[in-house]
N, C-alpha and C. Protein backbone atom coordinates (compact mmCIF):
# COMPACT_ATOMS: atom_id res chain seq x y z
N MET A 1 -250.23 33.62 29.99
CA MET A 1 -249.24 33.60 30.72
C MET A 1 -248.34 32.35 30.08
N PRO A 2 -247.20 32.39 29.60
CA PRO A 2 -246.43 31.32 28.90
C PRO A 2 -245.78 30.41 30.36
N ARG A 3 -245.67 29.30 29.93
CA ARG A 3 -245.02 28.29 30.98
C ARG A 3 -243.39 28.20 30.83
N GLY A 4 -242.89 27.64 31.77
CA GLY A 4 -241.39 27.43 31.81
C GLY A 4 -240.34 28.52 31.97
N VAL A 5 -239.32 28.36 31.40
CA VAL A 5 -238.26 29.25 31.64
C VAL A 5 -237.69 29.67 30.25
N LYS A 6 -237.51 30.98 30.02
CA LYS A 6 -236.92 31.23 28.85
C LYS A 6 -235.60 30.76 28.75
N LYS A 7 -235.33 30.33 27.30
CA LYS A 7 -233.92 29.96 27.19
C LYS A 7 -232.74 30.84 27.77
N GLU A 8 -232.96 31.98 27.56
CA GLU A 8 -231.77 32.93 27.76
C GLU A 8 -231.35 32.91 29.57
N ASN A 9 -232.58 32.20 30.17
CA ASN A 9 -232.39 32.02 31.64
C ASN A 9 -231.93 30.73 32.02
N LEU A 10 -231.75 29.92 31.35
CA LEU A 10 -231.60 28.58 31.64
C LEU A 10 -230.03 28.52 32.21
N PRO A 11 -229.67 27.48 33.24
CA PRO A 11 -228.22 27.54 33.57
C PRO A 11 -227.38 26.92 32.60
N SER A 12 -226.01 27.26 32.44
CA SER A 12 -225.16 26.88 31.44
C SER A 12 -223.93 26.36 32.12
N LYS A 13 -223.02 25.62 31.51
CA LYS A 13 -221.85 24.88 32.19
C LYS A 13 -220.86 25.10 31.03
N ILE A 14 -219.49 24.80 31.22
CA ILE A 14 -218.43 24.53 30.11
C ILE A 14 -218.21 23.11 30.26
N CYS A 15 -217.96 22.71 28.73
CA CYS A 15 -217.91 21.38 28.66
C CYS A 15 -216.35 20.94 29.13
N ALA A 16 -216.09 19.97 29.66
CA ALA A 16 -215.02 19.52 30.28
C ALA A 16 -213.87 19.26 29.11
N THR A 17 -214.69 18.68 28.17
CA THR A 17 -213.67 18.01 26.77
C THR A 17 -213.44 19.18 25.81
N CYS A 18 -214.58 20.04 25.31
CA CYS A 18 -214.17 20.92 24.24
C CYS A 18 -214.33 22.37 24.75
N GLN A 19 -214.44 22.58 25.95
CA GLN A 19 -214.50 23.84 26.50
C GLN A 19 -215.43 24.78 25.97
N ARG A 20 -216.48 24.49 25.52
CA ARG A 20 -217.69 25.26 24.93
C ARG A 20 -218.76 25.16 25.79
N PRO A 21 -219.50 26.38 25.97
CA PRO A 21 -220.58 26.42 26.85
C PRO A 21 -221.86 25.59 26.43
N PHE A 22 -222.42 24.91 27.38
CA PHE A 22 -223.64 24.37 26.90
C PHE A 22 -224.79 24.55 27.88
N THR A 23 -226.04 24.61 27.53
CA THR A 23 -227.10 24.87 28.64
C THR A 23 -227.83 23.49 28.97
N TRP A 24 -228.62 23.84 30.10
CA TRP A 24 -229.62 22.91 30.84
C TRP A 24 -230.53 22.46 29.73
N ARG A 25 -230.68 20.98 29.91
CA ARG A 25 -231.74 20.38 28.99
C ARG A 25 -232.59 19.44 29.90
N LYS A 26 -233.81 19.43 29.53
CA LYS A 26 -234.80 18.73 30.23
C LYS A 26 -234.38 17.19 30.45
N VAL A 27 -233.55 16.70 29.70
CA VAL A 27 -233.09 15.27 30.05
C VAL A 27 -232.13 15.22 31.07
N TRP A 28 -231.60 16.33 31.34
CA TRP A 28 -230.60 16.47 32.45
C TRP A 28 -231.20 17.01 33.72
N GLU A 29 -232.55 16.95 33.80
CA GLU A 29 -233.23 17.59 34.86
C GLU A 29 -232.88 17.06 36.22
N ASN A 30 -232.71 15.78 36.44
CA ASN A 30 -232.50 15.09 37.64
C ASN A 30 -230.99 14.88 38.00
N CYS A 31 -230.19 15.21 36.78
CA CYS A 31 -228.73 14.93 37.11
C CYS A 31 -227.74 16.08 36.64
N TRP A 32 -228.40 17.34 36.77
CA TRP A 32 -227.40 18.37 36.27
C TRP A 32 -226.18 18.52 36.83
N ASP A 33 -226.13 18.37 38.09
CA ASP A 33 -224.96 18.50 38.98
C ASP A 33 -223.93 17.62 38.59
N GLU A 34 -224.16 16.39 38.04
CA GLU A 34 -223.32 15.41 37.63
C GLU A 34 -222.59 15.58 36.17
N VAL A 35 -223.53 16.30 35.25
CA VAL A 35 -223.34 16.39 33.93
C VAL A 35 -221.89 17.38 33.64
N LYS A 36 -220.99 16.72 33.04
CA LYS A 36 -219.54 17.51 32.94
C LYS A 36 -219.46 17.72 31.27
N CYS A 37 -220.16 16.95 30.52
CA CYS A 37 -219.78 17.10 28.92
C CYS A 37 -221.16 17.36 28.21
N CYS A 38 -220.88 18.13 27.14
CA CYS A 38 -222.07 18.85 26.31
C CYS A 38 -222.59 17.68 25.60
N SER A 39 -222.16 16.70 24.98
CA SER A 39 -222.43 15.66 24.08
C SER A 39 -222.00 14.26 24.50
N ASP A 40 -222.80 13.23 23.71
CA ASP A 40 -222.09 11.89 23.74
C ASP A 40 -220.71 11.87 23.03
N ARG A 41 -220.47 12.62 22.06
CA ARG A 41 -219.13 12.66 21.45
C ARG A 41 -218.24 13.15 22.56
N CYS A 42 -218.21 14.07 23.06
CA CYS A 42 -217.67 14.70 24.23
C CYS A 42 -217.19 13.82 25.28
N LYS A 43 -218.45 13.40 25.74
CA LYS A 43 -218.33 12.16 26.93
C LYS A 43 -217.46 11.03 26.51
N ASN A 44 -217.65 10.44 25.20
CA ASN A 44 -216.63 9.36 24.82
C ASN A 44 -215.25 9.78 24.94
N GLU A 45 -215.13 10.81 24.11
CA GLU A 45 -213.55 11.51 24.02
C GLU A 45 -213.00 11.54 25.14
N ARG A 46 -213.78 12.13 26.25
CA ARG A 46 -213.39 12.31 27.63
C ARG A 46 -212.79 11.05 28.35
N LYS A 47 -213.75 9.90 28.21
CA LYS A 47 -213.56 8.72 28.86
C LYS A 47 -212.37 8.10 28.10
N ARG A 48 -212.15 8.08 26.71
CA ARG A 48 -211.18 7.43 26.03
C ARG A 48 -209.84 8.20 26.54
N LYS A 49 -209.74 9.28 26.72
CA LYS A 49 -208.37 9.93 27.22
C LYS A 49 -208.21 9.58 28.59
N LEU A 50 -209.21 9.36 29.49
CA LEU A 50 -208.82 8.96 30.98
C LEU A 50 -208.41 7.48 30.74
N GLN A 51 -208.98 6.56 29.92
CA GLN A 51 -208.47 5.29 29.96
C GLN A 51 -207.11 5.20 29.43
N LEU A 52 -206.71 6.07 28.34
CA LEU A 52 -205.40 6.07 27.82
C LEU A 52 -204.43 6.39 28.89
N ALA A 53 -204.75 7.37 29.73
CA ALA A 53 -203.99 7.84 30.72
C ALA A 53 -203.93 6.82 31.91
N ASN A 54 -204.89 6.11 32.20
CA ASN A 54 -204.83 5.01 33.20
C ASN A 54 -203.75 3.86 32.70
N ARG A 55 -204.01 3.61 31.30
CA ARG A 55 -203.09 2.40 30.47
C ARG A 55 -201.69 2.99 30.79
N GLU A 56 -201.33 4.22 30.45
CA GLU A 56 -200.02 4.64 30.55
C GLU A 56 -199.23 4.48 31.86
N GLN A 57 -200.02 4.76 33.06
CA GLN A 57 -199.66 4.71 34.25
C GLN A 57 -199.47 3.22 34.68
N ARG A 58 -200.12 2.31 34.12
CA ARG A 58 -200.02 0.84 34.46
C ARG A 58 -199.17 0.37 33.47
N SER A 59 -198.52 0.75 32.73
CA SER A 59 -197.84 0.36 31.73
C SER A 59 -196.57 -0.48 32.18
N PRO A 60 -195.60 -1.39 31.67
CA PRO A 60 -194.56 -1.98 32.19
C PRO A 60 -193.47 -0.90 32.23
N ASP A 61 -193.44 0.19 31.68
CA ASP A 61 -192.45 1.10 31.83
C ASP A 61 -192.49 2.05 32.90
N ALA A 62 -193.49 1.79 33.70
CA ALA A 62 -193.67 2.50 35.00
C ALA A 62 -192.71 2.05 35.87
N THR A 63 -192.59 2.97 37.01
CA THR A 63 -191.42 2.43 38.03
C THR A 63 -191.87 1.42 38.95
N THR A 64 -193.18 1.30 39.02
CA THR A 64 -193.53 0.11 40.10
C THR A 64 -193.69 -1.20 39.39
N ILE A 65 -193.15 -2.18 40.08
CA ILE A 65 -192.89 -3.53 39.44
C ILE A 65 -194.21 -4.37 39.82
N THR A 66 -195.03 -4.73 38.85
CA THR A 66 -196.19 -5.50 39.21
C THR A 66 -195.87 -6.98 39.07
N HIS A 67 -194.91 -7.45 38.56
CA HIS A 67 -194.81 -8.80 38.23
C HIS A 67 -194.07 -9.50 39.33
N VAL A 68 -194.18 -10.74 39.42
CA VAL A 68 -193.52 -11.87 40.58
C VAL A 68 -192.29 -12.29 39.97
N ASP A 69 -191.52 -12.10 40.80
CA ASP A 69 -189.94 -12.59 40.21
C ASP A 69 -190.02 -14.33 39.91
N ARG A 70 -189.26 -14.53 39.20
CA ARG A 70 -189.34 -16.02 38.96
C ARG A 70 -188.78 -16.88 40.26
N VAL A 71 -189.49 -18.08 40.53
CA VAL A 71 -189.05 -18.86 41.49
C VAL A 71 -188.07 -19.85 41.01
N PRO A 72 -186.69 -19.97 41.59
CA PRO A 72 -185.63 -20.81 41.25
C PRO A 72 -186.17 -22.27 41.39
N THR A 73 -185.84 -23.07 40.06
CA THR A 73 -186.20 -24.36 40.21
C THR A 73 -184.83 -25.17 39.47
N SER A 74 -184.84 -26.36 39.45
CA SER A 74 -183.82 -27.06 38.74
C SER A 74 -183.80 -27.05 37.17
N ASP A 75 -184.99 -26.85 36.84
CA ASP A 75 -185.39 -27.11 35.47
C ASP A 75 -184.82 -25.69 34.66
N PRO A 76 -183.90 -25.74 33.64
CA PRO A 76 -183.16 -24.67 33.08
C PRO A 76 -184.22 -23.93 32.11
N GLU A 77 -185.23 -24.76 31.73
CA GLU A 77 -186.25 -24.05 30.91
C GLU A 77 -187.17 -23.08 31.48
N VAL A 78 -187.51 -23.42 32.79
CA VAL A 78 -188.32 -22.53 33.54
C VAL A 78 -187.82 -21.05 33.93
N ASN A 79 -186.45 -21.23 34.20
CA ASN A 79 -185.97 -19.89 34.54
C ASN A 79 -185.07 -19.27 33.56
N SER A 80 -185.19 -19.72 32.24
CA SER A 80 -184.39 -19.07 31.25
C SER A 80 -185.19 -17.84 30.79
N SER A 81 -184.42 -16.91 30.07
CA SER A 81 -185.10 -15.61 29.75
C SER A 81 -185.80 -16.10 28.40
N PRO A 82 -186.77 -15.21 28.00
CA PRO A 82 -187.64 -15.27 26.65
C PRO A 82 -186.29 -15.08 25.65
N VAL A 83 -186.38 -15.86 24.86
CA VAL A 83 -185.50 -15.72 23.53
C VAL A 83 -186.17 -15.34 22.14
N SER A 84 -185.81 -14.41 21.54
CA SER A 84 -186.43 -13.93 20.49
C SER A 84 -185.88 -15.07 19.29
N ILE A 85 -186.85 -15.28 18.40
CA ILE A 85 -186.82 -16.16 17.26
C ILE A 85 -186.33 -15.43 16.05
N ALA A 86 -185.15 -15.73 15.53
CA ALA A 86 -184.89 -15.30 14.34
C ALA A 86 -185.76 -15.31 13.24
N ALA A 87 -185.77 -14.38 12.20
CA ALA A 87 -186.75 -14.27 11.00
C ALA A 87 -186.54 -15.38 10.26
N SER A 88 -185.45 -15.94 9.90
CA SER A 88 -185.14 -17.06 9.12
C SER A 88 -185.83 -18.44 9.78
N SER A 89 -185.77 -18.54 11.12
CA SER A 89 -186.21 -19.77 11.60
C SER A 89 -187.79 -19.92 11.76
N ARG A 90 -188.39 -18.76 11.51
CA ARG A 90 -189.84 -18.66 11.64
C ARG A 90 -190.50 -19.35 10.30
N PRO A 91 -191.85 -19.91 10.55
CA PRO A 91 -192.31 -20.50 9.63
C PRO A 91 -193.08 -19.63 8.63
N ALA A 92 -192.92 -19.78 7.30
CA ALA A 92 -193.32 -18.85 6.39
C ALA A 92 -194.74 -18.70 6.26
N SER A 93 -195.31 -17.54 6.10
CA SER A 93 -196.72 -17.42 6.19
C SER A 93 -197.19 -17.39 4.60
N PRO A 94 -198.36 -17.93 4.37
CA PRO A 94 -198.86 -17.86 2.72
C PRO A 94 -199.11 -16.49 2.62
N ARG A 95 -198.64 -16.00 1.27
CA ARG A 95 -199.23 -14.87 0.98
C ARG A 95 -200.10 -14.74 -0.21
N GLY A 96 -201.21 -15.40 -0.17
CA GLY A 96 -202.19 -15.71 -1.38
C GLY A 96 -202.14 -16.94 -1.85
N PRO A 97 -202.93 -17.36 -2.79
CA PRO A 97 -202.88 -18.60 -3.36
C PRO A 97 -201.56 -18.98 -4.16
N GLN A 98 -201.29 -20.29 -4.02
CA GLN A 98 -199.80 -20.67 -4.41
C GLN A 98 -200.31 -21.44 -5.84
N PRO A 99 -199.32 -21.18 -6.78
CA PRO A 99 -199.81 -21.75 -8.09
C PRO A 99 -199.66 -23.41 -7.90
N VAL A 100 -200.66 -24.02 -8.61
CA VAL A 100 -200.56 -25.60 -8.47
C VAL A 100 -199.83 -26.02 -9.73
N SER A 101 -198.68 -26.86 -9.38
CA SER A 101 -197.89 -27.53 -10.51
C SER A 101 -198.45 -28.82 -10.95
N SER A 102 -198.50 -29.02 -12.28
CA SER A 102 -198.99 -30.55 -12.64
C SER A 102 -197.98 -31.39 -13.28
């Protein structure tokens, strides 16, 4: 008499990431109820998508303001708005080795 369960009788689920069916594995014996994805690749992809969604919710473009307003002081440098630096006033960055003149 054979041991175990036939593969056709194993429980299966639909992967939350790729929407493909996958069957029970011995590794998932103790945590089958918590398993949502069929593979590590799908699990990592799902995790990445959730992180991106959370980042978009917390972005500065969101409607909630998360920063503290500036405290008024007598120093104009503290309360001034950030000023963009013109490209001409930025220090030039080297683009490779410079020729040496003799």
